[in-house]
């Protein structure tokens, strides 16, 4: 594995750990465990048998659930910030 890929995985592990209650080593172990489950269920050549699938690919949501990631406020809205009407708050602060 080249440096760029390792670095990308490391940053993904850091991000997941920061948004969960797990240490980085525990996040890495979970990725290995999920990849092992993927290999057992789909064979060793399947994409789900690789840790990268759970760190930076389509398996990331499963990894986040396994790690207990707390989603940022904007995530449930498709990555966009929710628009909250605050005109009444603004109006009260101006009076």
Foldseek 3Di string as FASTA:
>chain_A
DDPVVVVLLQVLLVVLVVQAVDDSVVLQVLLCVQLCVCCVVPNCVDPSNDSCCCRPHPVVVVSSVVRVGDDPCCVVVVNDHDDDDCPVVVVVVVD
